[in-house]
Amino acid sequence: MLHRLNPNSPIGVFDSGLGGLTVVKELLAVLPDENIVYFGDTARVPYGTKSRETIIRYSREIVGVLLKYKVKMVVVACNTASSLALDVLKKECPVPVVGVIDPGAKKAALSTKSKKVGIIATSSTIKSGQYARRLKVFEPRVRVMSQPCPLFVPLVEEGWLANDITRRVAHEYLDELKKAGVDTLILGCTHYPLLKRTIASVMGPGVMLIDSAREVALEVKHILRIQDILRAESSHTRHLYLVSDEPDIFKYRAVRFLGTSVKNVRQYSL
């Protein structure tokens, strides 16, 4: 049972590290009047190689922290956690919970003309099969081809977005998907939008890249509206960024994801 929600409460967002900031960026664009509390589990990143049990435990801990800040919604801005922990969080959480998989899968299912959709993501997200299952719910005729791309996250974290090494790695991961004739490619990790230019150059102009972040922001707006908990105030927004490791590293790298500097960053030890 959901408790009475306060429209002026913040939206809670979490990810294993920095990638979820691509979702925050879209939330700020779509819902500029909302306050946001973001938790980046930078001490325990990456999630993509960890077990389901570990991901669920980490996710529960972080949601517990966000609820202390009286959030009115939780956005699981992590594909791995959305794949493995979302159902558990939805059952246990007293506020609405939104993941990143359904919005992206729905957009891809509606966009594909050839009915051939590629998914690139972390190993855990691919292994969970959640994207493939949700795609077939929205479009039963779809053929799904999946490719784990574990090196993309460290390349983004290093800021190597378009150099020769990154292009070679992209070809290694993506050439088979291109040969298979996919016309739609889901970027199934929140880091991957920063590699859009490189990925697009490898896949070619005939392939649509699906960035779930925008679709998630629109879904959040829809839920807030139907529950009548959109924030009414249009001034003095405050955003808080919590991290489980060194804040200065987060501040330095966050600019790459948000396109602007972040100031209110605090370390929160789990």
C-alpha atoms as a PDB file:
ATOM      1  CA  MET A   1       0.000   0.000   0.000  1.00  0.00           C
ATOM      2  CA  LEU A   2       1.476   3.351  -1.032  1.00  0.00           C
ATOM      3  CA  HIS A   3       1.418   6.027   1.656  1.00  0.00           C
ATOM      4  CA  ARG A   4       0.197   9.575   1.070  1.00  0.00           C
ATOM      5  CA  LEU A   5       2.818  11.268  -1.105  1.00  0.00           C
ATOM      6  CA  ASN A   6       3.913  14.895  -0.854  1.00  0.00           C
ATOM      7  CA  PRO A   7       4.179  16.678  -4.233  1.00  0.00           C
ATOM      8  CA  ASN A   8       7.067  18.785  -2.890  1.00  0.00           C
ATOM      9  CA  SER A   9       9.134  15.740  -1.934  1.00  0.00           C
ATOM     10  CA  PRO A  10      12.111  14.922  -4.174  1.00  0.00           C
ATOM     11  CA  ILE A  11      12.437  12.187  -6.770  1.00  0.00           C
ATOM     12  CA  GLY A  12      14.964   9.560  -5.707  1.00  0.00           C
ATOM     13  CA  VAL A  13      17.313   8.168  -8.360  1.00  0.00           C
ATOM     14  CA  PHE A  14      20.027   5.563  -7.955  1.00  0.00           C
ATOM     15  CA  ASP A  15      22.686   3.808  -9.991  1.00  0.00           C
ATOM     16  CA  SER A  16      25.820   1.787  -9.380  1.00  0.00           C
ATOM     17  CA  GLY A  17      27.887   4.883 -10.109  1.00  0.00           C
ATOM     18  CA  LEU A  18      27.818   7.745 -12.593  1.00  0.00           C
ATOM     19  CA  GLY A  19      25.807   6.338 -15.493  1.00  0.00           C
ATOM     20  CA  GLY A  20      22.458   7.154 -13.910  1.00  0.00           C
ATOM     21  CA  LEU A  21      23.291  10.817 -14.333  1.00  0.00           C
ATOM     22  CA  THR A  22      22.198  10.433 -17.979  1.00  0.00           C
ATOM     23  CA  VAL A  23      18.726   9.755 -16.552  1.00  0.00           C
ATOM     24  CA  VAL A  24      19.030  12.710 -14.177  1.00  0.00           C
ATOM     25  CA  LYS A  25      19.923  14.936 -17.138  1.00  0.00           C
ATOM     26  CA  GLU A  26      16.705  13.954 -18.917  1.00  0.00           C
ATOM     27  CA  LEU A  27      14.646  14.316 -15.733  1.00  0.00           C
ATOM     28  CA  LEU A  28      15.963  17.862 -15.320  1.00  0.00           C
ATOM     29  CA  ALA A  29      14.962  18.621 -18.923  1.00  0.00           C
ATOM     30  CA  VAL A  30      11.481  17.068 -18.724  1.00  0.00           C
ATOM     31  CA  LEU A  31      10.708  18.020 -15.096  1.00  0.00           C
ATOM     32  CA  PRO A  32      12.692  21.196 -14.363  1.00  0.00           C
ATOM     33  CA  ASP A  33      10.626  22.047 -11.262  1.00  0.00           C
ATOM     34  CA  GLU A  34      11.350  18.803  -9.425  1.00  0.00           C
ATOM     35  CA  ASN A  35      13.953  18.253  -6.715  1.00  0.00           C
ATOM     36  CA  ILE A  36      16.197  15.199  -7.047  1.00  0.00           C
ATOM     37  CA  VAL A  37      18.179  13.070  -4.608  1.00  0.00           C
ATOM     38  CA  TYR A  38      20.669  10.892  -6.472  1.00  0.00           C
ATOM     39  CA  PHE A  39      22.636   7.993  -4.999  1.00  0.00           C
ATOM     40  CA  GLY A  40      25.668   6.697  -6.864  1.00  0.00           C
ATOM     41  CA  ASP A  41      27.130   3.541  -5.335  1.00  0.00           C
ATOM     42  CA  THR A  42      30.621   4.468  -6.458  1.00  0.00           C
ATOM     43  CA  ALA A  43      32.326   2.312  -3.808  1.00  0.00           C
ATOM     44  CA  ARG A  44      30.810  -0.881  -5.230  1.00  0.00           C
ATOM     45  CA  VAL A  45      30.661  -0.179  -8.961  1.00  0.00           C
ATOM     46  CA  PRO A  46      30.379  -2.047 -11.293  1.00  0.00           C
ATOM     47  CA  TYR A  47      27.163  -3.995 -10.711  1.00  0.00           C
ATOM     48  CA  GLY A  48      27.265  -5.707 -14.106  1.00  0.00           C
ATOM     49  CA  THR A  49      29.412  -8.654 -12.988  1.00  0.00           C
ATOM     50  CA  LYS A  50      27.711  -9.301  -9.619  1.00  0.00           C
ATOM     51  CA  SER A  51      25.099 -11.905  -8.668  1.00  0.00           C
ATOM     52  CA  ARG A  52      21.340 -11.322  -8.508  1.00  0.00           C
ATOM     53  CA  GLU A  53      21.373 -11.732  -4.727  1.00  0.00           C
ATOM     54  CA  THR A  54      24.075  -9.096  -4.333  1.00  0.00           C
ATOM     55  CA  ILE A  55      22.308  -6.647  -6.644  1.00  0.00           C
ATOM     56  CA  ILE A  56      19.048  -7.038  -4.715  1.00  0.00           C
ATOM     57  CA  ARG A  57      20.849  -6.478  -1.399  1.00  0.00           C
ATOM     58  CA  TYR A  58      22.628  -3.364  -2.668  1.00  0.00           C
ATOM     59  CA  SER A  59      19.408  -1.996  -4.184  1.00  0.00           C
ATOM     60  CA  ARG A  60      17.450  -2.495  -0.957  1.00  0.00           C
ATOM     61  CA  GLU A  61      20.134  -0.676   1.015  1.00  0.00           C
ATOM     62  CA  ILE A  62      20.121   2.310  -1.345  1.00  0.00           C
ATOM     63  CA  VAL A  63      16.332   2.558  -1.479  1.00  0.00           C
ATOM     64  CA  GLY A  64      16.390   2.608   2.317  1.00  0.00           C
ATOM     65  CA  VAL A  65      18.698   5.618   2.185  1.00  0.00           C
ATOM     66  CA  LEU A  66      16.529   7.432  -0.374  1.00  0.00           C
ATOM     67  CA  LEU A  67      13.408   6.872   1.734  1.00  0.00           C
ATOM     68  CA  LYS A  68      15.142   8.661   4.611  1.00  0.00           C
ATOM     69  CA  TYR A  69      15.068  11.738   2.355  1.00  0.00           C
ATOM     70  CA  LYS A  70      11.265  11.372   1.983  1.00  0.00           C
ATOM     71  CA  VAL A  71      11.370  10.726  -1.765  1.00  0.00           C
ATOM     72  CA  LYS A  72       7.998  10.433  -3.532  1.00  0.00           C
ATOM     73  CA  MET A  73       9.301   8.061  -6.210  1.00  0.00           C
ATOM     74  CA  VAL A  74      12.334   5.883  -6.836  1.00  0.00           C
ATOM     75  CA  VAL A  75      13.906   5.678 -10.290  1.00  0.00           C
ATOM     76  CA  VAL A  76      16.202   2.684 -10.706  1.00  0.00           C
ATOM     77  CA  ALA A  77      18.575   4.335 -13.195  1.00  0.00           C
ATOM     78  CA  CYS A  78      20.674   1.206 -13.533  1.00  0.00           C
ATOM     79  CA  ASN A  79      19.961  -1.458 -16.128  1.00  0.00           C
ATOM     80  CA  THR A  80      21.493  -4.233 -14.043  1.00  0.00           C
ATOM     81  CA  ALA A  81      19.434  -3.357 -10.959  1.00  0.00           C
ATOM     82  CA  SER A  82      16.330  -2.885 -13.123  1.00  0.00           C
ATOM     83  CA  SER A  83      16.904  -6.355 -14.582  1.00  0.00           C
ATOM     84  CA  LEU A  84      17.494  -8.161 -11.318  1.00  0.00           C
ATOM     85  CA  ALA A  85      15.947  -6.190  -8.437  1.00  0.00           C
ATOM     86  CA  LEU A  86      13.022  -4.157  -9.794  1.00  0.00           C
ATOM     87  CA  ASP A  87      10.253  -6.653  -9.008  1.00  0.00           C
ATOM     88  CA  VAL A  88      11.468  -6.997  -5.420  1.00  0.00           C
ATOM     89  CA  LEU A  89      11.704  -3.230  -4.950  1.00  0.00           C
ATOM     90  CA  LYS A  90       8.220  -2.654  -6.370  1.00  0.00           C
ATOM     91  CA  LYS A  91       6.744  -5.129  -3.869  1.00  0.00           C
ATOM     92  CA  GLU A  92       8.580  -3.695  -0.873  1.00  0.00           C
ATOM     93  CA  CYS A  93       8.732   0.048  -1.548  1.00  0.00           C
ATOM     94  CA  PRO A  94       6.054   2.426  -0.163  1.00  0.00           C
ATOM     95  CA  VAL A  95       6.465   4.793  -3.133  1.00  0.00           C
ATOM     96  CA  PRO A  96       6.239   4.190  -6.921  1.00  0.00           C
ATOM     97  CA  VAL A  97       9.313   2.543  -8.456  1.00  0.00           C
ATOM     98  CA  VAL A  98      10.308   2.962 -12.116  1.00  0.00           C
ATOM     99  CA  GLY A  99      13.077   1.058 -13.911  1.00  0.00           C
ATOM    100  CA  VAL A 100      14.837   1.743 -17.195  1.00  0.00           C
ATOM    101  CA  ILE A 101      13.990  -1.444 -19.095  1.00  0.00           C
ATOM    102  CA  ASP A 102      10.280  -1.162 -19.922  1.00  0.00           C
ATOM    103  CA  PRO A 103      10.432   2.391 -21.331  1.00  0.00           C
ATOM    104  CA  GLY A 104      13.370   1.516 -23.611  1.00  0.00           C
ATOM    105  CA  ALA A 105      11.929  -1.834 -24.678  1.00  0.00           C
ATOM    106  CA  LYS A 106       8.587  -0.263 -25.550  1.00  0.00           C
ATOM    107  CA  LYS A 107      10.236   2.485 -27.607  1.00  0.00           C
ATOM    108  CA  ALA A 108      12.335  -0.093 -29.485  1.00  0.00           C
ATOM    109  CA  ALA A 109       9.333  -2.329 -30.172  1.00  0.00           C
ATOM    110  CA  LEU A 110       7.416   0.624 -31.609  1.00  0.00           C
ATOM    111  CA  SER A 111      10.398   1.828 -33.659  1.00  0.00           C
ATOM    112  CA  THR A 112      11.657  -1.304 -35.407  1.00  0.00           C
ATOM    113  CA  LYS A 113      10.513  -1.903 -38.980  1.00  0.00           C
ATOM    114  CA  SER A 114      12.550  -5.036 -39.714  1.00  0.00           C
ATOM    115  CA  LYS A 115      11.519  -6.582 -36.355  1.00  0.00           C
ATOM    116  CA  LYS A 116      15.212  -7.152 -35.661  1.00  0.00           C
ATOM    117  CA  VAL A 117      16.332  -5.427 -32.459  1.00  0.00           C
ATOM    118  CA  GLY A 118      19.806  -5.480 -30.946  1.00  0.00           C
ATOM    119  CA  ILE A 119      20.553  -5.065 -27.252  1.00  0.00           C
ATOM    120  CA  ILE A 120      23.933  -4.042 -25.870  1.00  0.00           C
ATOM    121  CA  ALA A 121      24.390  -4.052 -22.114  1.00  0.00           C
ATOM    122  CA  THR A 122      26.436  -5.417 -19.224  1.00  0.00           C
ATOM    123  CA  SER A 123      26.814  -9.166 -18.842  1.00  0.00           C
ATOM    124  CA  SER A 124      24.306  -9.316 -15.952  1.00  0.00           C
ATOM    125  CA  THR A 125      21.651  -7.381 -17.865  1.00  0.00           C
ATOM    126  CA  ILE A 126      22.042  -9.595 -20.936  1.00  0.00           C
ATOM    127  CA  LYS A 127      22.064 -12.787 -18.848  1.00  0.00           C
ATOM    128  CA  SER A 128      18.836 -11.765 -17.067  1.00  0.00           C
ATOM    129  CA  GLY A 129      16.960 -11.794 -20.392  1.00  0.00           C
ATOM    130  CA  GLN A 130      14.670  -9.011 -19.186  1.00  0.00           C
ATOM    131  CA  TYR A 131      15.019  -6.794 -22.255  1.00  0.00           C
ATOM    132  CA  ALA A 132      14.261  -9.691 -24.601  1.00  0.00           C
ATOM    133  CA  ARG A 133      11.213 -10.731 -22.572  1.00  0.00           C
ATOM    134  CA  ARG A 134       9.811  -7.204 -22.396  1.00  0.00           C
ATOM    135  CA  LEU A 135      10.440  -6.587 -26.096  1.00  0.00           C
ATOM    136  CA  LYS A 136       8.361  -9.663 -26.958  1.00  0.00           C
ATOM    137  CA  VAL A 137       5.542  -8.423 -24.733  1.00  0.00           C
ATOM    138  CA  PHE A 138       5.384  -5.179 -26.712  1.00  0.00           C
ATOM    139  CA  GLU A 139       6.093  -6.832 -30.114  1.00  0.00           C
ATOM    140  CA  PRO A 140       5.723 -10.640 -30.209  1.00  0.00           C
ATOM    141  CA  ARG A 141       7.207 -10.887 -33.733  1.00  0.00           C
ATOM    142  CA  VAL A 142      10.502  -9.242 -32.794  1.00  0.00           C
ATOM    143  CA  ARG A 143      13.825 -11.060 -33.214  1.00  0.00           C
ATOM    144  CA  VAL A 144      16.249 -10.114 -30.465  1.00  0.00           C
ATOM    145  CA  MET A 145      20.048 -10.207 -30.701  1.00  0.00           C
ATOM    146  CA  SER A 146      22.019  -9.456 -27.546  1.00  0.00           C
ATOM    147  CA  GLN A 147      25.651  -8.497 -27.036  1.00  0.00           C
ATOM    148  CA  PRO A 148      27.384  -7.837 -23.700  1.00  0.00           C
ATOM    149  CA  CYS A 149      29.827  -4.914 -23.922  1.00  0.00           C
ATOM    150  CA  PRO A 150      31.731  -4.933 -20.606  1.00  0.00           C
ATOM    151  CA  LEU A 151      34.561  -2.648 -21.765  1.00  0.00           C
ATOM    152  CA  PHE A 152      32.263   0.242 -22.673  1.00  0.00           C
ATOM    153  CA  VAL A 153      31.771   1.342 -19.047  1.00  0.00           C
ATOM    154  CA  PRO A 154      35.485   1.746 -18.171  1.00  0.00           C
ATOM    155  CA  LEU A 155      36.072   3.494 -21.509  1.00  0.00           C
ATOM    156  CA  VAL A 156      33.379   6.039 -20.671  1.00  0.00           C
ATOM    157  CA  GLU A 157      34.705   6.457 -17.132  1.00  0.00           C
ATOM    158  CA  GLU A 158      38.141   7.225 -18.599  1.00  0.00           C
ATOM    159  CA  GLY A 159      36.606   9.727 -21.006  1.00  0.00           C
ATOM    160  CA  TRP A 160      37.696   7.690 -24.041  1.00  0.00           C
ATOM    161  CA  LEU A 161      34.536   8.351 -26.033  1.00  0.00           C
ATOM    162  CA  ALA A 162      35.762   8.480 -29.619  1.00  0.00           C
ATOM    163  CA  ASN A 163      39.426   7.492 -29.856  1.00  0.00           C
ATOM    164  CA  ASP A 164      40.898   4.638 -31.921  1.00  0.00           C
ATOM    165  CA  ILE A 165      40.814   2.147 -29.046  1.00  0.00           C
ATOM    166  CA  THR A 166      37.132   2.813 -28.386  1.00  0.00           C
ATOM    167  CA  ARG A 167      36.284   2.489 -32.091  1.00  0.00           C
ATOM    168  CA  ARG A 168      38.114  -0.847 -32.304  1.00  0.00           C
ATOM    169  CA  VAL A 169      36.300  -2.161 -29.240  1.00  0.00           C
ATOM    170  CA  ALA A 170      32.985  -0.953 -30.669  1.00  0.00           C
ATOM    171  CA  HIS A 171      33.632  -2.806 -33.934  1.00  0.00           C
ATOM    172  CA  GLU A 172      34.509  -5.957 -31.989  1.00  0.00           C
ATOM    173  CA  TYR A 173      31.190  -5.821 -30.135  1.00  0.00           C
ATOM    174  CA  LEU A 174      28.884  -4.448 -32.826  1.00  0.00           C
ATOM    175  CA  ASP A 175      29.945  -5.830 -36.201  1.00  0.00           C
ATOM    176  CA  GLU A 176      27.913  -9.039 -35.798  1.00  0.00           C
ATOM    177  CA  LEU A 177      24.787  -7.066 -34.864  1.00  0.00           C
ATOM    178  CA  LYS A 178      25.257  -4.911 -37.944  1.00  0.00           C
ATOM    179  CA  LYS A 179      25.683  -7.999 -40.162  1.00  0.00           C
ATOM    180  CA  ALA A 180      22.520  -9.486 -38.640  1.00  0.00           C
ATOM    181  CA  GLY A 181      20.554  -6.527 -39.975  1.00  0.00           C
ATOM    182  CA  VAL A 182      19.179  -4.989 -36.789  1.00  0.00           C
ATOM    183  CA  ASP A 183      17.473  -1.656 -37.488  1.00  0.00           C
ATOM    184  CA  THR A 184      17.080  -0.702 -33.827  1.00  0.00           C
ATOM    185  CA  LEU A 185      19.699  -0.917 -31.073  1.00  0.00           C
ATOM    186  CA  ILE A 186      18.911  -0.522 -27.381  1.00  0.00           C
ATOM    187  CA  LEU A 187      21.687   1.119 -25.370  1.00  0.00           C
ATOM    188  CA  GLY A 188      21.052  -1.071 -22.343  1.00  0.00           C
ATOM    189  CA  CYS A 189      23.436   0.651 -19.952  1.00  0.00           C
ATOM    190  CA  THR A 190      23.237   4.238 -18.749  1.00  0.00           C
ATOM    191  CA  HIS A 191      26.893   4.838 -19.662  1.00  0.00           C
ATOM    192  CA  TYR A 192      26.391   3.964 -23.309  1.00  0.00           C
ATOM    193  CA  PRO A 193      24.645   7.195 -24.440  1.00  0.00           C
ATOM    194  CA  LEU A 194      28.025   8.927 -24.077  1.00  0.00           C
ATOM    195  CA  LEU A 195      29.297   6.592 -26.806  1.00  0.00           C
ATOM    196  CA  LYS A 196      26.396   7.352 -29.164  1.00  0.00           C
ATOM    197  CA  ARG A 197      28.585   8.966 -31.804  1.00  0.00           C
ATOM    198  CA  THR A 198      31.009   6.041 -31.927  1.00  0.00           C
ATOM    199  CA  ILE A 199      28.239   3.429 -31.823  1.00  0.00           C
ATOM    200  CA  ALA A 200      26.306   5.224 -34.570  1.00  0.00           C
ATOM    201  CA  SER A 201      29.403   5.399 -36.783  1.00  0.00           C
ATOM    202  CA  VAL A 202      29.870   1.633 -36.490  1.00  0.00           C
ATOM    203  CA  MET A 203      26.193   0.697 -36.942  1.00  0.00           C
ATOM    204  CA  GLY A 204      25.520   3.136 -39.784  1.00  0.00           C
ATOM    205  CA  PRO A 205      22.707   5.638 -40.464  1.00  0.00           C
ATOM    206  CA  GLY A 206      20.002   2.984 -40.942  1.00  0.00           C
ATOM    207  CA  VAL A 207      20.025   1.920 -37.279  1.00  0.00           C
ATOM    208  CA  MET A 208      18.037   3.786 -34.626  1.00  0.00           C
ATOM    209  CA  LEU A 209      19.730   4.006 -31.220  1.00  0.00           C
ATOM    210  CA  ILE A 210      17.331   3.792 -28.279  1.00  0.00           C
ATOM    211  CA  ASP A 211      18.460   5.766 -25.235  1.00  0.00           C
ATOM    212  CA  SER A 212      16.157   4.744 -22.366  1.00  0.00           C
ATOM    213  CA  ALA A 213      16.906   7.867 -20.326  1.00  0.00           C
ATOM    214  CA  ARG A 214      14.485  10.114 -22.225  1.00  0.00           C
ATOM    215  CA  GLU A 215      11.763   7.471 -22.173  1.00  0.00           C
ATOM    216  CA  VAL A 216      12.231   6.997 -18.412  1.00  0.00           C
ATOM    217  CA  ALA A 217      11.876  10.741 -17.786  1.00  0.00           C
ATOM    218  CA  LEU A 218       8.618  10.833 -19.760  1.00  0.00           C
ATOM    219  CA  GLU A 219       7.319   7.804 -17.832  1.00  0.00           C
ATOM    220  CA  VAL A 220       8.179   9.480 -14.511  1.00  0.00           C
ATOM    221  CA  LYS A 221       6.298  12.618 -15.569  1.00  0.00           C
ATOM    222  CA  HIS A 222       3.278  10.521 -16.543  1.00  0.00           C
ATOM    223  CA  ILE A 223       3.185   8.727 -13.175  1.00  0.00           C
ATOM    224  CA  LEU A 224       3.601  11.942 -11.175  1.00  0.00           C
ATOM    225  CA  ARG A 225       0.786  13.537 -13.168  1.00  0.00           C
ATOM    226  CA  ILE A 226      -1.724  10.690 -12.799  1.00  0.00           C
ATOM    227  CA  GLN A 227      -0.970  10.461  -9.070  1.00  0.00           C
ATOM    228  CA  ASP A 228      -1.281  14.256  -8.791  1.00  0.00           C
ATOM    229  CA  ILE A 229       2.127  14.660  -7.170  1.00  0.00           C
ATOM    230  CA  LEU A 230       3.903  16.945  -9.640  1.00  0.00           C
ATOM    231  CA  ARG A 231       5.740  19.665  -7.750  1.00  0.00           C
ATOM    232  CA  ALA A 232       3.777  22.915  -7.969  1.00  0.00           C
ATOM    233  CA  GLU A 233       6.605  25.289  -7.112  1.00  0.00           C
ATOM    234  CA  SER A 234       8.646  26.563 -10.045  1.00  0.00           C
ATOM    235  CA  SER A 235      11.591  28.094  -8.233  1.00  0.00           C
ATOM    236  CA  HIS A 236      14.418  27.181  -5.883  1.00  0.00           C
ATOM    237  CA  THR A 237      14.998  23.585  -6.910  1.00  0.00           C
ATOM    238  CA  ARG A 238      17.587  21.676  -4.882  1.00  0.00           C
ATOM    239  CA  HIS A 239      19.441  18.595  -5.998  1.00  0.00           C
ATOM    240  CA  LEU A 240      21.498  16.401  -3.675  1.00  0.00           C
ATOM    241  CA  TYR A 241      24.055  13.855  -4.867  1.00  0.00           C
ATOM    242  CA  LEU A 242      25.051  11.084  -2.470  1.00  0.00           C
ATOM    243  CA  VAL A 243      27.974   8.777  -3.210  1.00  0.00           C
ATOM    244  CA  SER A 244      29.412   5.821  -1.327  1.00  0.00           C
ATOM    245  CA  ASP A 245      33.018   6.747  -2.166  1.00  0.00           C
ATOM    246  CA  GLU A 246      35.174   9.842  -2.664  1.00  0.00           C
ATOM    247  CA  PRO A 247      32.951  12.845  -3.648  1.00  0.00           C
ATOM    248  CA  ASP A 248      35.677  14.746  -5.510  1.00  0.00           C
ATOM    249  CA  ILE A 249      36.077  11.996  -8.110  1.00  0.00           C
ATOM    250  CA  PHE A 250      32.318  11.995  -8.645  1.00  0.00           C
ATOM    251  CA  LYS A 251      32.255  15.787  -9.036  1.00  0.00           C
ATOM    252  CA  TYR A 252      35.025  15.674 -11.614  1.00  0.00           C
ATOM    253  CA  ARG A 253      33.439  12.963 -13.736  1.00  0.00           C
ATOM    254  CA  ALA A 254      29.804  14.050 -13.328  1.00  0.00           C
ATOM    255  CA  VAL A 255      30.324  17.002 -15.668  1.00  0.00           C
ATOM    256  CA  ARG A 256      30.794  14.552 -18.548  1.00  0.00           C
ATOM    257  CA  PHE A 257      27.377  12.997 -17.900  1.00  0.00           C
ATOM    258  CA  LEU A 258      25.333  16.061 -16.949  1.00  0.00           C
ATOM    259  CA  GLY A 259      26.991  18.692 -19.099  1.00  0.00           C
ATOM    260  CA  THR A 260      27.239  20.917 -16.034  1.00  0.00           C
ATOM    261  CA  SER A 261      29.041  20.930 -12.700  1.00  0.00           C
ATOM    262  CA  VAL A 262      27.513  19.523  -9.511  1.00  0.00           C
ATOM    263  CA  LYS A 263      27.987  21.168  -6.147  1.00  0.00           C
ATOM    264  CA  ASN A 264      25.902  19.477  -3.475  1.00  0.00           C
ATOM    265  CA  VAL A 265      27.754  16.155  -3.260  1.00  0.00           C
ATOM    266  CA  ARG A 266      28.098  14.203  -0.017  1.00  0.00           C
ATOM    267  CA  GLN A 267      29.636  10.899   0.899  1.00  0.00           C
ATOM    268  CA  TYR A 268      27.212   8.406   2.475  1.00  0.00           C
ATOM    269  CA  SER A 269      28.765   5.219   3.798  1.00  0.00           C
ATOM    270  CA  LEU A 270      26.627   2.099   3.523  1.00  0.00           C
END
